[in-house]
Structure formats: structure tokens, C-alpha cells
């Protein structure tokens, strides 16, 4: 809890440490660039570093400060949730290792950004690389440290470090499809401008993992639910009503222009993949991860033992807030998450939440195609 509080304070409040991290990052980038370029520019008073053809300003959020605080908060949550499976105080070593790795990877991210900018490569979206490489680093460090901790006898208790337990395999079946979607999304933003050419890979990756984990979903009862349909329509209307709060999505107009410039067959094929993902794989993957796993995992380490009638208001709210943050529209996303959680808890069927989510996404897809409001498909 203390580590989580420190992480949140570091994230939200200015602190002299932010300036020190920023300066250390700029100096590190300067030294790395000198290994490749004969002429390197470093203006510490202006926080500028780079080469004559491409300079970057390292403002505080980009200096590694936010990434370090984010991994600190994540590790605090992980250490708390899995405290019974970890060895203390040995497991606390994950904290300095994670913070250090995030800073080093951020150093590499900014250095690579300058190199890509200097090359002016047509295959890489420099802005996309800048925004997504940090998240890829965070995912890699966080998942890597968790894997090391769970397979190390030094960091975890013997009965949990020797083999993958059924609970872990079930957790992977519930979470892996969404992680695959997020990973491909980030890669797509690095190599695409406007239109995400890797979107079909999102659908295929999630589809393969859903198929591999299908035995963990056999207790679902797929019956038609009029309440789920009504709830999906309601969330759609709510999403549209709150869309002005998310106005200014930069990728919206760009997506529309790119589609208009493509041959009809190519644009049509991409749109089919986009609709399949929106209506099938995304609702399944997100409901498995947020309602099926996270909501119940916040109540019991063995989430499969948590029946719908034991789901608490706190667990629903916490998972819904994270659902909203992930979607970049925190208010609309949080309210939508709460609605889907209610759909799940009402009859005790996760399939109802999937149906409601699919209805919402299908209506959004129809609205986008009918009105050209491409910003609704920004992600």
C-alpha cells in the first residue's frame, strides 16, 4: 500500500526528482548518440538533444519519470495481490530492478526516436513510435518481472514456483486475448499513420488465443437476453452523448482520409476486419479480462471460485475505472464498464456482458459507417 501511494504521488505531483531524472536522461541520450553520429547537439538549458537534422525536447513526462512511477504502482499492486505466493523481503528486490529497467528502456526509446527521425524512414511513424514504445516497454518489464518472480524459488514460495498451476492457466486464458490485442495495437501505431494496417492481426491473434483457451469458457450459457440488448443500446447512446468530451481525436480525420484514398476493395476488406474485431473478438477479450477475471480477482486469488453473487461494488468500480482508462475515455468507459458488470451480475452469466458489449460496438460501427465519425474508431 505504501509503495502504491508513493507511485501515485510521484505520478501526480511535481518533485525535484523529476528534474534530476530528466537531466540524467538527456545526458544519457547524448552519450549514446555520440556512439553513432559525428555531430550531436545537447542544450541542457533548453532540454534539447539530438542531431542537426532532428532534435527532441525532453520534457519531464518523457524523461522516464512517469514510466518509473507507473512500474512502481504496478509492482505495489502485484506484491499485494500475490503476497501469499511471494517470499519477503526478497520479492521487494523487484521494485528497484523494475524502476531501473524502465529508466534504461526509456533512454533507449528516446535514442531510437532520434535515430528514426534522422533517417526519416517511411516505414516508421515517428509520432506513433514515441507514444507507443513507452507502453510496450512497460508491458515488457511488468510481465517479465512477474514471470521471473513466479518461476524463481528465491522470489516465490516452493509450491507456487515449481509449475504452472491450474489457476494461472485459467488466468492466462482470460487475460491473454486482450493482451494480444493491445500488443498488436501498439505495434500498429508504430508502423502505421491514420489506418492501422495490422488490425487484421489483432483479430487473428485474439481469435487464436480464444480458441486455445476455449475449455475455460465451457460453463457459459449462451441464451438470448433482451436486457443485455437494451443495455447495449443504452451504452451506445451514452457513449455518443459523452463523445464531445473526447473531441479532437487526431487519428479520426486521418483514418477517414486514408480510407478514401484506397481502392474500394482494399478499404472494404479492412472495414470487414474492423467490424469483425469490434463485434466479436473485442467484446469477448475485454469481458473475459475485465469482468471475467479482474472483477473476481480483486475478491479472491482463485477468481474462478467467485460466483456472481459475491461480486462487490468495489471490485466492479475498480475494474470499470481501469476499463475506462484503457479506452482513453475514462468517464464513458467507466460507465460502460459498470453497465457490463451489472449485466454479468444480474443473471450470473458473463455471456450477457459479452452480448451487451457486442451490441454497443455493432451500433458504434454502424454509426461510424453511416456518418463518417471516424474518431469513434480512433483505437
Protein backbone atom coordinates (compact mmCIF):
# COMPACT_ATOMS: atom_id res chain seq x y z
CA UNK A 1 0.00 0.00 0.00
CA UNK A 2 2.85 2.33 0.87
CA UNK A 3 4.55 1.66 -2.47
CA UNK A 4 1.29 2.31 -4.32
CA UNK A 5 0.86 5.63 -2.52
CA UNK A 6 4.43 6.62 -3.37
CA UNK A 7 3.82 5.71 -7.00
CA UNK A 8 0.66 7.80 -7.20
CA UNK A 9 2.36 10.77 -5.52
CA UNK A 10 5.29 10.52 -7.92
CA UNK A 11 2.85 10.33 -10.84
CA UNK A 12 0.70 13.31 -9.92
CA UNK A 13 2.89 15.82 -8.12
CA UNK A 14 5.90 17.80 -9.37
CA UNK A 15 9.06 16.97 -7.49
CA UNK A 16 12.76 17.88 -7.77
CA UNK A 17 13.43 14.21 -8.51
CA UNK A 18 11.60 14.71 -11.84
CA UNK A 19 14.18 17.31 -12.86
CA UNK A 20 17.09 15.06 -11.89
CA UNK A 21 15.66 12.16 -13.89
CA UNK A 22 15.10 14.43 -16.88
CA UNK A 23 18.66 15.72 -16.81
CA UNK A 24 20.12 12.23 -16.42
CA UNK A 25 18.03 11.00 -19.36
CA UNK A 26 19.15 13.87 -21.61
CA UNK A 27 22.81 13.26 -20.75
CA UNK A 28 22.40 9.53 -21.35
CA UNK A 29 20.80 10.08 -24.77
CA UNK A 30 23.60 12.48 -25.66
CA UNK A 31 26.27 9.90 -24.80
CA UNK A 32 24.51 7.14 -26.74
CA UNK A 33 24.06 9.32 -29.83
CA UNK A 34 27.77 10.16 -29.80
CA UNK A 35 28.45 6.48 -30.46
CA UNK A 36 26.68 6.72 -33.83
CA UNK A 37 26.70 10.32 -35.06
CA UNK A 38 29.74 12.56 -35.54
CA UNK A 39 27.78 15.68 -34.60
CA UNK A 40 25.42 15.61 -31.63
CA UNK A 41 23.62 18.61 -30.15
CA UNK A 42 22.89 18.88 -26.44
CA UNK A 43 21.41 22.07 -24.98
CA UNK A 44 20.76 21.31 -21.29
CA UNK A 45 19.26 24.70 -20.53
CA UNK A 46 16.56 24.06 -23.17
CA UNK A 47 16.28 20.28 -22.61
CA UNK A 48 17.13 19.70 -26.28
CA UNK A 49 19.17 16.78 -27.56
CA UNK A 50 19.64 15.22 -30.97
CA UNK A 51 21.42 15.67 -34.26
CA UNK A 52 21.33 18.65 -36.65
CA UNK A 53 18.54 17.11 -38.74
CA UNK A 54 16.35 16.01 -35.80
CA UNK A 55 16.12 17.47 -32.30
CA UNK A 56 13.85 16.39 -29.46
CA UNK A 57 12.83 18.29 -26.37
CA UNK A 58 12.86 16.01 -23.34
CA UNK A 59 10.07 17.36 -21.19
CA UNK A 60 9.58 15.84 -17.76
CA UNK A 61 6.91 13.22 -18.62
CA UNK A 62 9.16 11.88 -21.40
CA UNK A 63 12.28 11.72 -19.26
CA UNK A 64 11.31 8.41 -17.70
CA UNK A 65 9.69 9.86 -14.60
CA UNK A 66 6.18 8.68 -15.41
CA UNK A 67 7.30 5.24 -16.52
CA UNK A 68 9.20 4.74 -13.28
CA UNK A 69 6.20 5.79 -11.19
CA UNK A 70 3.90 3.57 -13.27
CA UNK A 71 6.02 0.46 -12.74
CA UNK A 72 6.27 1.34 -9.05
CA UNK A 73 2.48 1.42 -8.74
CA UNK A 74 2.11 -1.80 -10.74
CA UNK A 75 4.65 -3.68 -8.62
CA UNK A 76 2.99 -2.44 -5.44
CA UNK A 77 -0.32 -3.89 -6.66
CA UNK A 78 1.35 -7.14 -7.72
CA UNK A 79 3.20 -7.58 -4.43
CA UNK A 80 -0.04 -7.05 -2.52
CA UNK A 81 -2.27 -9.31 -4.61
CA UNK A 82 0.27 -12.15 -4.66
CA UNK A 83 1.73 -11.61 -1.20
CA UNK A 84 0.92 -15.18 -0.13
CA UNK A 85 2.85 -16.64 -3.06
CA UNK A 86 5.96 -14.45 -2.77
CA UNK A 87 8.95 -14.54 -0.45
CA UNK A 88 9.52 -11.37 1.54
CA UNK A 89 11.70 -9.38 1.81
CA UNK A 90 13.36 -10.95 -1.27
CA UNK A 91 10.41 -10.04 -3.51
CA UNK A 92 10.94 -6.36 -2.73
CA UNK A 93 14.03 -6.54 -4.97
CA UNK A 94 11.61 -6.40 -7.91
CA UNK A 95 10.99 -2.72 -7.17
CA UNK A 96 14.47 -1.24 -7.81
CA UNK A 97 15.02 -3.65 -10.70
CA UNK A 98 11.75 -2.59 -12.34
CA UNK A 99 12.36 1.13 -11.84
CA UNK A 100 15.89 0.84 -13.20
CA UNK A 101 14.80 -1.15 -16.25
CA UNK A 102 12.10 1.39 -17.08
CA UNK A 103 14.64 4.23 -17.00
CA UNK A 104 17.12 2.35 -19.18
CA UNK A 105 14.45 1.38 -21.71
CA UNK A 106 13.23 4.96 -21.84
CA UNK A 107 16.81 6.01 -22.58
CA UNK A 108 16.83 3.58 -25.47
CA UNK A 109 13.40 4.77 -26.62
CA UNK A 110 14.44 8.41 -26.95
CA UNK A 111 17.75 7.49 -28.58
CA UNK A 112 15.93 5.31 -31.11
CA UNK A 113 13.43 8.12 -31.72
CA UNK A 114 16.26 10.49 -32.69
CA UNK A 115 17.82 7.86 -34.96
CA UNK A 116 14.49 7.19 -36.71
CA UNK A 117 13.86 10.91 -37.08
CA UNK A 118 17.30 11.43 -38.58
CA UNK A 119 16.77 8.58 -41.03
CA UNK A 120 13.30 9.87 -41.96
CA UNK A 121 12.19 6.30 -42.60
CA UNK A 122 8.87 5.98 -44.50
CA UNK A 123 8.19 2.65 -42.75
CA UNK A 124 8.00 4.03 -39.23
CA UNK A 125 5.53 6.52 -37.80
CA UNK A 126 7.83 8.57 -35.57
CA UNK A 127 4.93 10.01 -33.56
CA UNK A 128 3.46 6.54 -33.13
CA UNK A 129 6.79 5.13 -32.02
CA UNK A 130 7.19 7.94 -29.49
CA UNK A 131 3.78 7.34 -27.93
CA UNK A 132 3.65 3.54 -28.02
CA UNK A 133 7.22 2.39 -27.35
CA UNK A 134 6.94 3.50 -23.73
CA UNK A 135 3.83 1.39 -23.22
CA UNK A 136 5.49 -1.59 -24.89
CA UNK A 137 8.44 -1.16 -22.52
CA UNK A 138 6.10 -1.03 -19.54
CA UNK A 139 4.28 -4.18 -20.63
CA UNK A 140 7.55 -5.98 -21.27
CA UNK A 141 9.06 -5.04 -17.91
CA UNK A 142 5.92 -5.70 -15.87
CA UNK A 143 5.10 -9.06 -17.47
CA UNK A 144 8.76 -10.06 -17.50
CA UNK A 145 9.21 -9.35 -13.79
CA UNK A 146 6.02 -11.23 -12.96
CA UNK A 147 7.23 -14.24 -14.96
CA UNK A 148 10.62 -14.17 -13.25
CA UNK A 149 9.05 -13.86 -9.81
CA UNK A 150 6.63 -16.73 -10.32
CA UNK A 151 9.31 -19.09 -11.63
CA UNK A 152 12.06 -18.21 -9.15
CA UNK A 153 12.45 -20.16 -5.92
CA UNK A 154 14.27 -17.16 -4.50
CA UNK A 155 11.28 -14.87 -5.02
CA UNK A 156 8.28 -17.20 -4.65
CA UNK A 157 7.37 -19.99 -2.26
CA UNK A 158 8.26 -23.51 -3.47
CA UNK A 159 4.75 -24.79 -4.05
CA UNK A 160 3.98 -21.94 -6.47
CA UNK A 161 7.32 -21.66 -8.27
CA UNK A 162 7.70 -25.25 -9.46
CA UNK A 163 4.95 -25.42 -12.06
CA UNK A 164 2.12 -23.51 -13.65
CA UNK A 165 -0.96 -24.06 -11.51
CA UNK A 166 -4.45 -24.53 -12.96
CA UNK A 167 -5.34 -21.10 -11.58
CA UNK A 168 -2.56 -19.48 -13.59
CA UNK A 169 -3.55 -21.30 -16.75
CA UNK A 170 -7.14 -20.14 -16.26
CA UNK A 171 -5.95 -16.58 -15.67
CA UNK A 172 -3.93 -16.74 -18.89
CA UNK A 173 -6.99 -17.95 -20.81
CA UNK A 174 -8.98 -14.96 -19.54
CA UNK A 175 -6.33 -12.26 -19.96
CA UNK A 176 -4.12 -13.32 -22.88
CA UNK A 177 -6.57 -12.43 -25.71
CA UNK A 178 -6.79 -8.81 -24.55
CA UNK A 179 -3.02 -8.57 -24.06
CA UNK A 180 -2.55 -9.80 -27.62
CA UNK A 181 -4.93 -7.15 -28.93
CA UNK A 182 -3.12 -4.40 -27.01
CA UNK A 183 0.32 -5.57 -28.14
CA UNK A 184 -0.65 -5.65 -31.83
CA UNK A 185 -2.42 -2.28 -31.45
CA UNK A 186 0.79 -0.70 -30.17
CA UNK A 187 2.87 -2.20 -32.97
CA UNK A 188 0.30 -0.98 -35.48
CA UNK A 189 0.57 2.58 -34.24
CA UNK A 190 4.34 2.47 -34.59
CA UNK A 191 4.25 1.35 -38.23
CA UNK A 192 1.02 2.99 -39.40
CA UNK A 193 -0.26 6.51 -39.90
CA UNK A 194 -4.01 7.04 -39.98
CA UNK A 195 -5.08 3.49 -40.81
CA UNK A 196 -3.85 0.57 -38.73
CA UNK A 197 -2.80 -1.99 -41.32
CA UNK A 198 -2.17 -4.54 -38.58
CA UNK A 199 -5.79 -4.56 -37.41
CA UNK A 200 -6.47 -7.98 -39.01
CA UNK A 201 -3.56 -9.32 -36.94
CA UNK A 202 -5.38 -8.13 -33.80
CA UNK A 203 -8.41 -10.19 -34.76
CA UNK A 204 -6.37 -13.27 -35.65
CA UNK A 205 -4.17 -13.12 -32.54
CA UNK A 206 -7.15 -12.77 -30.22
CA UNK A 207 -9.09 -15.42 -32.12
CA UNK A 208 -6.28 -17.97 -31.83
CA UNK A 209 -5.91 -17.39 -28.08
CA UNK A 210 -9.67 -17.54 -27.55
CA UNK A 211 -9.74 -20.87 -29.34
CA UNK A 212 -6.81 -22.24 -27.33
CA UNK A 213 -8.49 -21.24 -24.07
CA UNK A 214 -11.96 -22.41 -25.05
CA UNK A 215 -12.14 -25.15 -22.40
CA UNK A 216 -12.20 -22.46 -19.71
CA UNK A 217 -15.37 -20.93 -21.20
CA UNK A 218 -17.45 -24.11 -21.40
CA UNK A 219 -19.64 -23.15 -18.43
CA UNK A 220 -21.09 -20.15 -20.29
CA UNK A 221 -24.76 -20.34 -21.19
CA UNK A 222 -25.43 -18.55 -24.47
CA UNK A 223 -29.09 -17.61 -24.26
CA UNK A 224 -30.60 -14.52 -25.80
CA UNK A 225 -31.09 -11.72 -23.29
CA UNK A 226 -33.36 -8.79 -24.09
CA UNK A 227 -31.97 -6.93 -21.10
CA UNK A 228 -28.44 -7.32 -22.48
CA UNK A 229 -29.67 -5.96 -25.82
CA UNK A 230 -31.30 -2.97 -24.13
CA UNK A 231 -28.22 -2.36 -22.03
CA UNK A 232 -26.00 -2.43 -25.12
CA UNK A 233 -28.22 0.15 -26.82
CA UNK A 234 -28.17 2.32 -23.71
CA UNK A 235 -24.37 2.24 -23.51
CA UNK A 236 -24.19 3.18 -27.19
CA UNK A 237 -26.37 6.25 -26.62
CA UNK A 238 -24.35 7.15 -23.54
CA UNK A 239 -21.09 6.82 -25.48
CA UNK A 240 -22.37 9.17 -28.19
CA UNK A 241 -23.62 11.67 -25.62
CA UNK A 242 -20.20 11.79 -23.95
CA UNK A 243 -18.19 11.76 -27.18
CA UNK A 244 -17.85 15.60 -27.29
CA UNK A 245 -15.75 15.28 -24.11
CA UNK A 246 -13.22 13.31 -26.17
CA UNK A 247 -13.31 15.68 -29.15
CA UNK A 248 -10.16 16.29 -31.08
CA UNK A 249 -9.00 12.71 -31.63
CA UNK A 250 -6.15 13.26 -34.09
CA UNK A 251 -6.44 9.88 -35.79
CA UNK A 252 -10.12 10.28 -36.67
CA UNK A 253 -9.87 12.55 -39.74
CA UNK A 254 -6.64 10.83 -40.78
CA UNK A 255 -8.38 7.45 -40.80
CA UNK A 256 -11.19 8.78 -42.99
CA UNK A 257 -8.78 10.36 -45.47
CA UNK A 258 -6.68 7.22 -45.71
CA UNK A 259 -9.71 5.01 -46.38
CA UNK A 260 -10.99 7.42 -49.03
CA UNK A 261 -7.65 7.28 -50.85
CA UNK A 262 -7.58 3.47 -51.03
CA UNK A 263 -9.11 1.26 -53.73
CA UNK A 264 -12.61 0.21 -52.74
CA UNK A 265 -11.68 -3.45 -52.48
CA UNK A 266 -8.81 -2.73 -50.07
CA UNK A 267 -10.84 -0.29 -47.97
CA UNK A 268 -13.78 -2.71 -47.90
CA UNK A 269 -11.58 -5.60 -46.80
CA UNK A 270 -10.09 -3.52 -43.97
CA UNK A 271 -13.57 -2.41 -42.85
CA UNK A 272 -14.76 -6.02 -42.71
CA UNK A 273 -11.86 -6.93 -40.44
CA UNK A 274 -12.56 -3.85 -38.33
CA UNK A 275 -16.21 -4.81 -37.85
CA UNK A 276 -15.38 -8.44 -37.06
CA UNK A 277 -12.95 -7.28 -34.41
CA UNK A 278 -15.36 -4.73 -32.96
CA UNK A 279 -18.32 -7.09 -32.71
CA UNK A 280 -16.67 -10.46 -31.97
CA UNK A 281 -13.11 -10.59 -30.67
CA UNK A 282 -13.00 -7.28 -28.77
CA UNK A 283 -16.16 -7.88 -26.66
CA UNK A 284 -15.04 -11.42 -25.86
CA UNK A 285 -11.47 -10.44 -24.96
CA UNK A 286 -12.42 -7.38 -22.92
CA UNK A 287 -15.22 -9.03 -20.97
CA UNK A 288 -13.03 -12.02 -20.18
CA UNK A 289 -10.27 -9.77 -18.87
CA UNK A 290 -12.27 -7.10 -17.03
CA UNK A 291 -15.47 -8.76 -15.84
CA UNK A 292 -14.46 -12.42 -16.00
CA UNK A 293 -11.01 -12.08 -14.45
CA UNK A 294 -10.20 -8.72 -12.85
CA UNK A 295 -13.53 -8.11 -11.11
CA UNK A 296 -13.36 -11.53 -9.46
CA UNK A 297 -9.59 -11.49 -8.92
CA UNK A 298 -9.99 -8.40 -6.73
CA UNK A 299 -12.14 -10.55 -4.43
CA UNK A 300 -10.26 -13.86 -4.33
CA UNK A 301 -6.89 -15.10 -5.58
CA UNK A 302 -8.68 -18.11 -7.08
CA UNK A 303 -11.01 -15.98 -9.19
CA UNK A 304 -12.86 -18.99 -10.61
CA UNK A 305 -14.32 -19.72 -7.17
CA UNK A 306 -16.05 -16.32 -7.02
CA UNK A 307 -19.73 -16.66 -8.03
CA UNK A 308 -21.56 -13.66 -9.48
CA UNK A 309 -23.48 -13.05 -6.25
CA UNK A 310 -20.17 -12.46 -4.43
CA UNK A 311 -19.08 -9.68 -6.78
CA UNK A 312 -18.66 -6.50 -4.75
CA UNK A 313 -19.35 -2.88 -5.65
CA UNK A 314 -15.69 -2.01 -5.11
CA UNK A 315 -14.49 -4.73 -7.49
CA UNK A 316 -16.95 -3.60 -10.16
CA UNK A 317 -15.97 0.05 -9.76
CA UNK A 318 -12.22 -0.61 -9.75
CA UNK A 319 -12.32 -2.81 -12.86
CA UNK A 320 -14.65 -0.36 -14.61
CA UNK A 321 -12.38 2.61 -13.91
CA UNK A 322 -9.46 0.70 -15.42
CA UNK A 323 -11.70 -0.23 -18.36
CA UNK A 324 -12.38 3.47 -18.92
CA UNK A 325 -8.72 4.44 -18.66
CA UNK A 326 -7.70 1.77 -21.17
CA UNK A 327 -10.25 3.12 -23.66
CA UNK A 328 -8.97 6.69 -23.37
CA UNK A 329 -12.45 7.95 -22.48
CA UNK A 330 -12.43 7.49 -18.75
CA UNK A 331 -15.95 8.70 -17.97
CA UNK A 332 -17.78 6.95 -20.80
CA UNK A 333 -15.61 3.86 -20.41
CA UNK A 334 -16.15 3.66 -16.66
CA UNK A 335 -19.92 3.96 -17.00
CA UNK A 336 -19.92 1.38 -19.79
CA UNK A 337 -17.86 -0.96 -17.63
CA UNK A 338 -20.31 -0.60 -14.77
CA UNK A 339 -23.19 -1.38 -17.13
CA UNK A 340 -21.50 -4.53 -18.42
CA UNK A 341 -20.65 -5.56 -14.85
CA UNK A 342 -24.34 -5.23 -13.97
CA UNK A 343 -25.25 -7.36 -17.00
CA UNK A 344 -22.88 -10.04 -15.73
CA UNK A 345 -24.06 -9.94 -12.13
CA UNK A 346 -27.80 -9.76 -12.89
CA UNK A 347 -28.14 -13.33 -14.18
CA UNK A 348 -24.66 -14.55 -13.31
CA UNK A 349 -23.79 -15.03 -16.98
CA UNK A 350 -20.65 -13.48 -18.45
CA UNK A 351 -22.22 -14.14 -21.85
CA UNK A 352 -24.76 -11.39 -21.08
CA UNK A 353 -21.95 -8.87 -20.64
CA UNK A 354 -20.41 -10.04 -23.92
CA UNK A 355 -23.76 -9.66 -25.70
CA UNK A 356 -24.31 -6.15 -24.34
CA UNK A 357 -20.77 -5.15 -25.29
CA UNK A 358 -21.16 -6.61 -28.79
CA UNK A 359 -24.43 -4.72 -29.32
CA UNK A 360 -22.78 -1.46 -28.29
CA UNK A 361 -19.84 -1.99 -30.61
CA UNK A 362 -22.07 -3.06 -33.51
CA UNK A 363 -24.13 0.12 -33.16
CA UNK A 364 -20.96 2.24 -32.97
CA UNK A 365 -19.68 0.54 -36.13
CA UNK A 366 -22.95 1.24 -37.94
CA UNK A 367 -22.91 4.85 -36.76
CA UNK A 368 -19.32 5.35 -37.93
CA UNK A 369 -20.06 3.94 -41.38
CA UNK A 370 -23.27 5.95 -41.71
CA UNK A 371 -21.92 9.31 -40.52
CA UNK A 372 -18.17 9.15 -41.10
CA UNK A 373 -17.44 9.84 -37.43
CA UNK A 374 -14.10 8.05 -37.65
CA UNK A 375 -12.89 9.40 -34.30
CA UNK A 376 -15.11 6.78 -32.65
CA UNK A 377 -12.79 4.20 -34.19
CA UNK A 378 -9.63 6.01 -33.15
CA UNK A 379 -8.35 2.94 -31.34
